[in-house]
Structures are given as structure tokens and as C-alpha cells.
Amino acid sequence: MDTTVALVRPYAAPALAFGGDPAQEDDVVWWVIVVGFAYAVALAWATWCRRNGGSAEISFGWTGFKVVCRS
């Protein structure tokens, strides 16, 4: 017994349409990366402070992150 599968149309991959400008950049992404990196550095400094027996406080303001280490 022979079984044959016949397709009405051959398969074609779907086409994606992009309506924007592909060379456009968003500055918000860079700010997220910079603030995330600064927060990681502040956490590392606070961890170092706590490992050495201190008490770290992290605050965020217009000038960036501020880590205070109290013994």
C-alpha cells in the first residue's frame, strides 16, 4: 500500500515586516546599563564593608550611589 502526501502549496517561511529605522538607537538602554553597573559596584563595596565587620548603608541620589561604611 503506497501512501502519498500532497501539499496544495509549497511551504514558505513567513516574512517579517519592520516599519522603523533599523539604525535608530535609544539612550535609555545605555542609562540602564550604567546605573546597573554602578549599583553592582555599590553592592560589592557594601559586601566588602560587611565582611570586615562594618555596617553599610547604600543611598541613591542625583549624584549616584553613596555607600557609607560604619564600624
PDB file of N, CA and C in Angstrom:
ATOM      1  N   MET A   1       0.842  -1.166   0.000  1.00  0.00           N
ATOM      2  CA  MET A   1       0.000   0.000   0.000  1.00  0.00           C
ATOM      3  C   MET A   1       0.894   1.238   0.000  1.00  0.00           C
ATOM      4  N   ASP A   2       0.730   2.114  -0.956  1.00  0.00           N
ATOM      5  CA  ASP A   2       1.517   3.341  -1.059  1.00  0.00           C
ATOM      6  C   ASP A   2       0.711   4.509  -0.500  1.00  0.00           C
ATOM      7  N   THR A   3       1.385   5.295   0.325  1.00  0.00           N
ATOM      8  CA  THR A   3       0.750   6.484   0.890  1.00  0.00           C
ATOM      9  C   THR A   3       1.503   7.701   0.376  1.00  0.00           C
ATOM     10  N   THR A   4       0.785   8.653  -0.192  1.00  0.00           N
ATOM     11  CA  THR A   4       1.386   9.859  -0.737  1.00  0.00           C
ATOM     12  C   THR A   4       0.717  11.067  -0.102  1.00  0.00           C
ATOM     13  N   VAL A   5       1.554  12.013   0.328  1.00  0.00           N
ATOM     14  CA  VAL A   5       1.040  13.246   0.893  1.00  0.00           C
ATOM     15  C   VAL A   5       1.253  14.343  -0.147  1.00  0.00           C
ATOM     16  N   ALA A   6       0.186  14.993  -0.506  1.00  0.00           N
ATOM     17  CA  ALA A   6       0.271  16.058  -1.499  1.00  0.00           C
ATOM     18  C   ALA A   6      -0.021  17.398  -0.829  1.00  0.00           C
ATOM     19  N   LEU A   7       0.867  18.342  -1.008  1.00  0.00           N
ATOM     20  CA  LEU A   7       0.660  19.687  -0.488  1.00  0.00           C
ATOM     21  C   LEU A   7       0.060  20.548  -1.584  1.00  0.00           C
ATOM     22  N   VAL A   8      -0.907  21.345  -1.203  1.00  0.00           N
ATOM     23  CA  VAL A   8      -1.535  22.222  -2.175  1.00  0.00           C
ATOM     24  C   VAL A   8      -0.553  23.324  -2.572  1.00  0.00           C
ATOM     25  N   ARG A   9       0.082  23.920  -1.571  1.00  0.00           N
ATOM     26  CA  ARG A   9       1.092  24.948  -1.831  1.00  0.00           C
ATOM     27  C   ARG A   9       2.389  24.526  -1.156  1.00  0.00           C
ATOM     28  N   PRO A  10       3.538  24.799  -1.754  1.00  0.00           N
ATOM     29  CA  PRO A  10       4.796  24.501  -1.053  1.00  0.00           C
ATOM     30  C   PRO A  10       4.979  25.451   0.128  1.00  0.00           C
ATOM     31  N   TYR A  11       5.648  24.999   1.161  1.00  0.00           N
ATOM     32  CA  TYR A  11       5.835  25.797   2.372  1.00  0.00           C
ATOM     33  C   TYR A  11       6.791  26.947   2.099  1.00  0.00           C
ATOM     34  N   ALA A  12       6.413  28.110   2.581  1.00  0.00           N
ATOM     35  CA  ALA A  12       7.281  29.287   2.503  1.00  0.00           C
ATOM     36  C   ALA A  12       7.379  29.892   3.900  1.00  0.00           C
ATOM     37  N   ALA A  13       8.582  30.269   4.294  1.00  0.00           N
ATOM     38  CA  ALA A  13       8.792  30.861   5.609  1.00  0.00           C
ATOM     39  C   ALA A  13       8.047  32.197   5.694  1.00  0.00           C
ATOM     40  N   PRO A  14       7.461  32.515   6.852  1.00  0.00           N
ATOM     41  CA  PRO A  14       6.749  33.783   6.982  1.00  0.00           C
ATOM     42  C   PRO A  14       7.713  34.966   6.884  1.00  0.00           C
ATOM     43  N   ALA A  15       7.257  36.019   6.283  1.00  0.00           N
ATOM     44  CA  ALA A  15       8.067  37.224   6.140  1.00  0.00           C
ATOM     45  C   ALA A  15       7.778  38.162   7.300  1.00  0.00           C
ATOM     46  N   LEU A  16       8.838  38.767   7.837  1.00  0.00           N
ATOM     47  CA  LEU A  16       8.695  39.716   8.931  1.00  0.00           C
ATOM     48  C   LEU A  16       8.812  41.120   8.367  1.00  0.00           C
ATOM     49  N   ALA A  17       7.933  41.991   8.798  1.00  0.00           N
ATOM     50  CA  ALA A  17       7.966  43.377   8.346  1.00  0.00           C
ATOM     51  C   ALA A  17       8.393  44.269   9.506  1.00  0.00           C
ATOM     52  N   PHE A  18       9.346  45.145   9.270  1.00  0.00           N
ATOM     53  CA  PHE A  18       9.825  46.085  10.274  1.00  0.00           C
ATOM     54  C   PHE A  18       9.612  47.478   9.725  1.00  0.00           C
ATOM     55  N   GLY A  19       8.774  48.262  10.413  1.00  0.00           N
ATOM     56  CA  GLY A  19       8.413  49.573   9.909  1.00  0.00           C
ATOM     57  C   GLY A  19       9.300  50.705  10.378  1.00  0.00           C
ATOM     58  N   GLY A  20      10.192  50.466  11.350  1.00  0.00           N
ATOM     59  CA  GLY A  20      11.018  51.538  11.899  1.00  0.00           C
ATOM     60  C   GLY A  20      12.359  51.651  11.194  1.00  0.00           C
ATOM     61  N   ASP A  21      13.170  52.554  11.680  1.00  0.00           N
ATOM     62  CA  ASP A  21      14.510  52.760  11.146  1.00  0.00           C
ATOM     63  C   ASP A  21      15.459  51.807  11.880  1.00  0.00           C
ATOM     64  N   PRO A  22      16.121  50.892  11.206  1.00  0.00           N
ATOM     65  CA  PRO A  22      16.963  49.920  11.898  1.00  0.00           C
ATOM     66  C   PRO A  22      18.220  50.529  12.524  1.00  0.00           C
ATOM     67  N   ALA A  23      18.615  51.739  12.105  1.00  0.00           N
ATOM     68  CA  ALA A  23      19.802  52.376  12.656  1.00  0.00           C
ATOM     69  C   ALA A  23      19.479  53.268  13.851  1.00  0.00           C
ATOM     70  N   GLN A  24      18.261  53.272  14.323  1.00  0.00           N
ATOM     71  CA  GLN A  24      17.850  54.127  15.433  1.00  0.00           C
ATOM     72  C   GLN A  24      18.337  53.533  16.752  1.00  0.00           C
ATOM     73  N   GLU A  25      18.850  54.383  17.645  1.00  0.00           N
ATOM     74  CA  GLU A  25      19.320  53.941  18.959  1.00  0.00           C
ATOM     75  C   GLU A  25      18.497  54.617  20.050  1.00  0.00           C
ATOM     76  N   ASP A  26      18.379  53.943  21.177  1.00  0.00           N
ATOM     77  CA  ASP A  26      17.706  54.514  22.332  1.00  0.00           C
ATOM     78  C   ASP A  26      18.734  54.734  23.427  1.00  0.00           C
ATOM     79  N   ASP A  27      18.803  55.966  23.943  1.00  0.00           N
ATOM     80  CA  ASP A  27      19.750  56.273  25.006  1.00  0.00           C
ATOM     81  C   ASP A  27      19.318  55.696  26.340  1.00  0.00           C
ATOM     82  N   VAL A  28      18.065  55.322  26.470  1.00  0.00           N
ATOM     83  CA  VAL A  28      17.564  54.777  27.739  1.00  0.00           C
ATOM     84  C   VAL A  28      18.261  53.465  28.059  1.00  0.00           C
ATOM     85  N   VAL A  29      18.542  52.661  27.065  1.00  0.00           N
ATOM     86  CA  VAL A  29      19.198  51.373  27.294  1.00  0.00           C
ATOM     87  C   VAL A  29      20.582  51.586  27.901  1.00  0.00           C
ATOM     88  N   TRP A  30      21.320  52.560  27.418  1.00  0.00           N
ATOM     89  CA  TRP A  30      22.650  52.820  27.961  1.00  0.00           C
ATOM     90  C   TRP A  30      22.574  53.298  29.401  1.00  0.00           C
ATOM     91  N   TRP A  31      21.559  54.100  29.737  1.00  0.00           N
ATOM     92  CA  TRP A  31      21.417  54.557  31.119  1.00  0.00           C
ATOM     93  C   TRP A  31      21.115  53.398  32.049  1.00  0.00           C
ATOM     94  N   VAL A  32      20.324  52.451  31.592  1.00  0.00           N
ATOM     95  CA  VAL A  32      20.022  51.272  32.419  1.00  0.00           C
ATOM     96  C   VAL A  32      21.292  50.474  32.669  1.00  0.00           C
ATOM     97  N   ILE A  33      22.135  50.332  31.663  1.00  0.00           N
ATOM     98  CA  ILE A  33      23.389  49.594  31.815  1.00  0.00           C
ATOM     99  C   ILE A  33      24.321  50.321  32.778  1.00  0.00           C
ATOM    100  N   VAL A  34      24.438  51.639  32.659  1.00  0.00           N
ATOM    101  CA  VAL A  34      25.334  52.415  33.524  1.00  0.00           C
ATOM    102  C   VAL A  34      24.857  52.374  34.976  1.00  0.00           C
ATOM    103  N   VAL A  35      23.566  52.577  35.190  1.00  0.00           N
ATOM    104  CA  VAL A  35      23.038  52.561  36.564  1.00  0.00           C
ATOM    105  C   VAL A  35      23.147  51.152  37.156  1.00  0.00           C
ATOM    106  N   GLY A  36      22.890  50.133  36.356  1.00  0.00           N
ATOM    107  CA  GLY A  36      23.032  48.754  36.838  1.00  0.00           C
ATOM    108  C   GLY A  36      24.460  48.432  37.238  1.00  0.00           C
ATOM    109  N   PHE A  37      25.423  48.881  36.437  1.00  0.00           N
ATOM    110  CA  PHE A  37      26.836  48.662  36.774  1.00  0.00           C
ATOM    111  C   PHE A  37      27.218  49.412  38.048  1.00  0.00           C
ATOM    112  N   ALA A  38      26.753  50.658  38.181  1.00  0.00           N
ATOM    113  CA  ALA A  38      27.054  51.440  39.384  1.00  0.00           C
ATOM    114  C   ALA A  38      26.445  50.782  40.624  1.00  0.00           C
ATOM    115  N   TYR A  39      25.253  50.227  40.486  1.00  0.00           N
ATOM    116  CA  TYR A  39      24.619  49.551  41.622  1.00  0.00           C
ATOM    117  C   TYR A  39      25.398  48.287  41.991  1.00  0.00           C
ATOM    118  N   ALA A  40      25.906  47.565  40.988  1.00  0.00           N
ATOM    119  CA  ALA A  40      26.703  46.365  41.264  1.00  0.00           C
ATOM    120  C   ALA A  40      27.988  46.731  42.012  1.00  0.00           C
ATOM    121  N   VAL A  41      28.610  47.845  41.635  1.00  0.00           N
ATOM    122  CA  VAL A  41      29.819  48.301  42.342  1.00  0.00           C
ATOM    123  C   VAL A  41      29.471  48.702  43.770  1.00  0.00           C
ATOM    124  N   ALA A  42      28.344  49.382  43.971  1.00  0.00           N
ATOM    125  CA  ALA A  42      27.924  49.772  45.319  1.00  0.00           C
ATOM    126  C   ALA A  42      27.645  48.539  46.183  1.00  0.00           C
ATOM    127  N   LEU A  43      27.027  47.524  45.609  1.00  0.00           N
ATOM    128  CA  LEU A  43      26.774  46.288  46.364  1.00  0.00           C
ATOM    129  C   LEU A  43      28.076  45.577  46.715  1.00  0.00           C
ATOM    130  N   ALA A  44      29.034  45.593  45.814  1.00  0.00           N
ATOM    131  CA  ALA A  44      30.328  44.968  46.095  1.00  0.00           C
ATOM    132  C   ALA A  44      31.038  45.698  47.237  1.00  0.00           C
ATOM    133  N   TRP A  45      30.986  47.028  47.220  1.00  0.00           N
ATOM    134  CA  TRP A  45      31.611  47.804  48.294  1.00  0.00           C
ATOM    135  C   TRP A  45      30.907  47.550  49.629  1.00  0.00           C
ATOM    136  N   ALA A  46      29.591  47.468  49.620  1.00  0.00           N
ATOM    137  CA  ALA A  46      28.838  47.190  50.851  1.00  0.00           C
ATOM    138  C   ALA A  46      29.141  45.788  51.363  1.00  0.00           C
ATOM    139  N   THR A  47      29.289  44.836  50.463  1.00  0.00           N
ATOM    140  CA  THR A  47      29.636  43.470  50.870  1.00  0.00           C
ATOM    141  C   THR A  47      31.015  43.433  51.508  1.00  0.00           C
ATOM    142  N   TRP A  48      31.970  44.150  50.913  1.00  0.00           N
ATOM    143  CA  TRP A  48      33.312  44.228  51.484  1.00  0.00           C
ATOM    144  C   TRP A  48      33.266  44.841  52.878  1.00  0.00           C
ATOM    145  N   CYS A  49      32.465  45.884  53.035  1.00  0.00           N
ATOM    146  CA  CYS A  49      32.335  46.549  54.337  1.00  0.00           C
ATOM    147  C   CYS A  49      31.767  45.587  55.383  1.00  0.00           C
ATOM    148  N   ARG A  50      30.746  44.866  55.031  1.00  0.00           N
ATOM    149  CA  ARG A  50      30.116  43.933  55.983  1.00  0.00           C
ATOM    150  C   ARG A  50      31.026  42.760  56.317  1.00  0.00           C
ATOM    151  N   ARG A  51      31.814  42.302  55.349  1.00  0.00           N
ATOM    152  CA  ARG A  51      32.744  41.193  55.603  1.00  0.00           C
ATOM    153  C   ARG A  51      33.852  41.615  56.569  1.00  0.00           C
ATOM    154  N   ASN A  52      34.150  42.905  56.610  1.00  0.00           N
ATOM    155  CA  ASN A  52      35.183  43.410  57.518  1.00  0.00           C
ATOM    156  C   ASN A  52      34.600  43.906  58.833  1.00  0.00           C
ATOM    157  N   GLY A  53      33.350  43.575  59.118  1.00  0.00           N
ATOM    158  CA  GLY A  53      32.754  43.890  60.410  1.00  0.00           C
ATOM    159  C   GLY A  53      32.044  45.227  60.494  1.00  0.00           C
ATOM    160  N   GLY A  54      31.821  45.875  59.379  1.00  0.00           N
ATOM    161  CA  GLY A  54      31.150  47.173  59.393  1.00  0.00           C
ATOM    162  C   GLY A  54      29.669  47.047  59.075  1.00  0.00           C
ATOM    163  N   SER A  55      29.020  48.184  59.071  1.00  0.00           N
ATOM    164  CA  SER A  55      27.610  48.246  58.725  1.00  0.00           C
ATOM    165  C   SER A  55      27.463  49.208  57.547  1.00  0.00           C
ATOM    166  N   ALA A  56      27.057  48.698  56.404  1.00  0.00           N
ATOM    167  CA  ALA A  56      26.993  49.503  55.189  1.00  0.00           C
ATOM    168  C   ALA A  56      25.581  50.033  54.962  1.00  0.00           C
ATOM    169  N   GLU A  57      25.525  51.272  54.473  1.00  0.00           N
ATOM    170  CA  GLU A  57      24.258  51.887  54.087  1.00  0.00           C
ATOM    171  C   GLU A  57      24.411  52.401  52.657  1.00  0.00           C
ATOM    172  N   ILE A  58      23.490  52.009  51.797  1.00  0.00           N
ATOM    173  CA  ILE A  58      23.516  52.450  50.401  1.00  0.00           C
ATOM    174  C   ILE A  58      22.366  53.424  50.188  1.00  0.00           C
ATOM    175  N   SER A  59      22.686  54.584  49.603  1.00  0.00           N
ATOM    176  CA  SER A  59      21.639  55.546  49.259  1.00  0.00           C
ATOM    177  C   SER A  59      21.841  55.973  47.805  1.00  0.00           C
ATOM    178  N   PHE A  60      20.754  56.394  47.175  1.00  0.00           N
ATOM    179  CA  PHE A  60      20.802  56.813  45.772  1.00  0.00           C
ATOM    180  C   PHE A  60      20.279  58.229  45.672  1.00  0.00           C
ATOM    181  N   GLY A  61      21.017  59.078  44.984  1.00  0.00           N
ATOM    182  CA  GLY A  61      20.620  60.470  44.802  1.00  0.00           C
ATOM    183  C   GLY A  61      20.953  60.942  43.400  1.00  0.00           C
ATOM    184  N   TRP A  62      20.900  62.244  43.199  1.00  0.00           N
ATOM    185  CA  TRP A  62      21.178  62.818  41.878  1.00  0.00           C
ATOM    186  C   TRP A  62      22.615  62.603  41.449  1.00  0.00           C
ATOM    187  N   THR A  63      23.524  62.462  42.405  1.00  0.00           N
ATOM    188  CA  THR A  63      24.934  62.284  42.066  1.00  0.00           C
ATOM    189  C   THR A  63      25.326  60.824  41.929  1.00  0.00           C
ATOM    190  N   GLY A  64      24.433  59.915  42.195  1.00  0.00           N
ATOM    191  CA  GLY A  64      24.730  58.487  42.054  1.00  0.00           C
ATOM    192  C   GLY A  64      24.513  57.753  43.360  1.00  0.00           C
ATOM    193  N   PHE A  65      25.138  56.591  43.455  1.00  0.00           N
ATOM    194  CA  PHE A  65      25.036  55.776  44.664  1.00  0.00           C
ATOM    195  C   PHE A  65      26.074  56.218  45.672  1.00  0.00           C
ATOM    196  N   LYS A  66      25.689  56.200  46.936  1.00  0.00           N
ATOM    197  CA  LYS A  66      26.589  56.561  48.022  1.00  0.00           C
ATOM    198  C   LYS A  66      26.573  55.420  49.024  1.00  0.00           C
ATOM    199  N   VAL A  67      27.750  54.881  49.322  1.00  0.00           N
ATOM    200  CA  VAL A  67      27.871  53.796  50.291  1.00  0.00           C
ATOM    201  C   VAL A  67      28.621  54.332  51.494  1.00  0.00           C
ATOM    202  N   VAL A  68      28.010  54.221  52.680  1.00  0.00           N
ATOM    203  CA  VAL A  68      28.624  54.640  53.923  1.00  0.00           C
ATOM    204  C   VAL A  68      28.930  53.388  54.724  1.00  0.00           C
ATOM    205  N   CYS A  69      30.182  53.271  55.143  1.00  0.00           N
ATOM    206  CA  CYS A  69      30.601  52.110  55.936  1.00  0.00           C
ATOM    207  C   CYS A  69      30.926  52.573  57.347  1.00  0.00           C
ATOM    208  N   ARG A  70      30.139  52.092  58.296  1.00  0.00           N
ATOM    209  CA  ARG A  70      30.346  52.458  59.708  1.00  0.00           C
ATOM    210  C   ARG A  70      30.862  51.231  60.460  1.00  0.00           C
ATOM    211  N   SER A  71      31.839  51.453  61.296  1.00  0.00           N
ATOM    212  CA  SER A  71      32.427  50.339  62.063  1.00  0.00           C
ATOM    213  C   SER A  71      31.621  50.018  63.289  1.00  0.00           C
TER     214      SER A  71
END
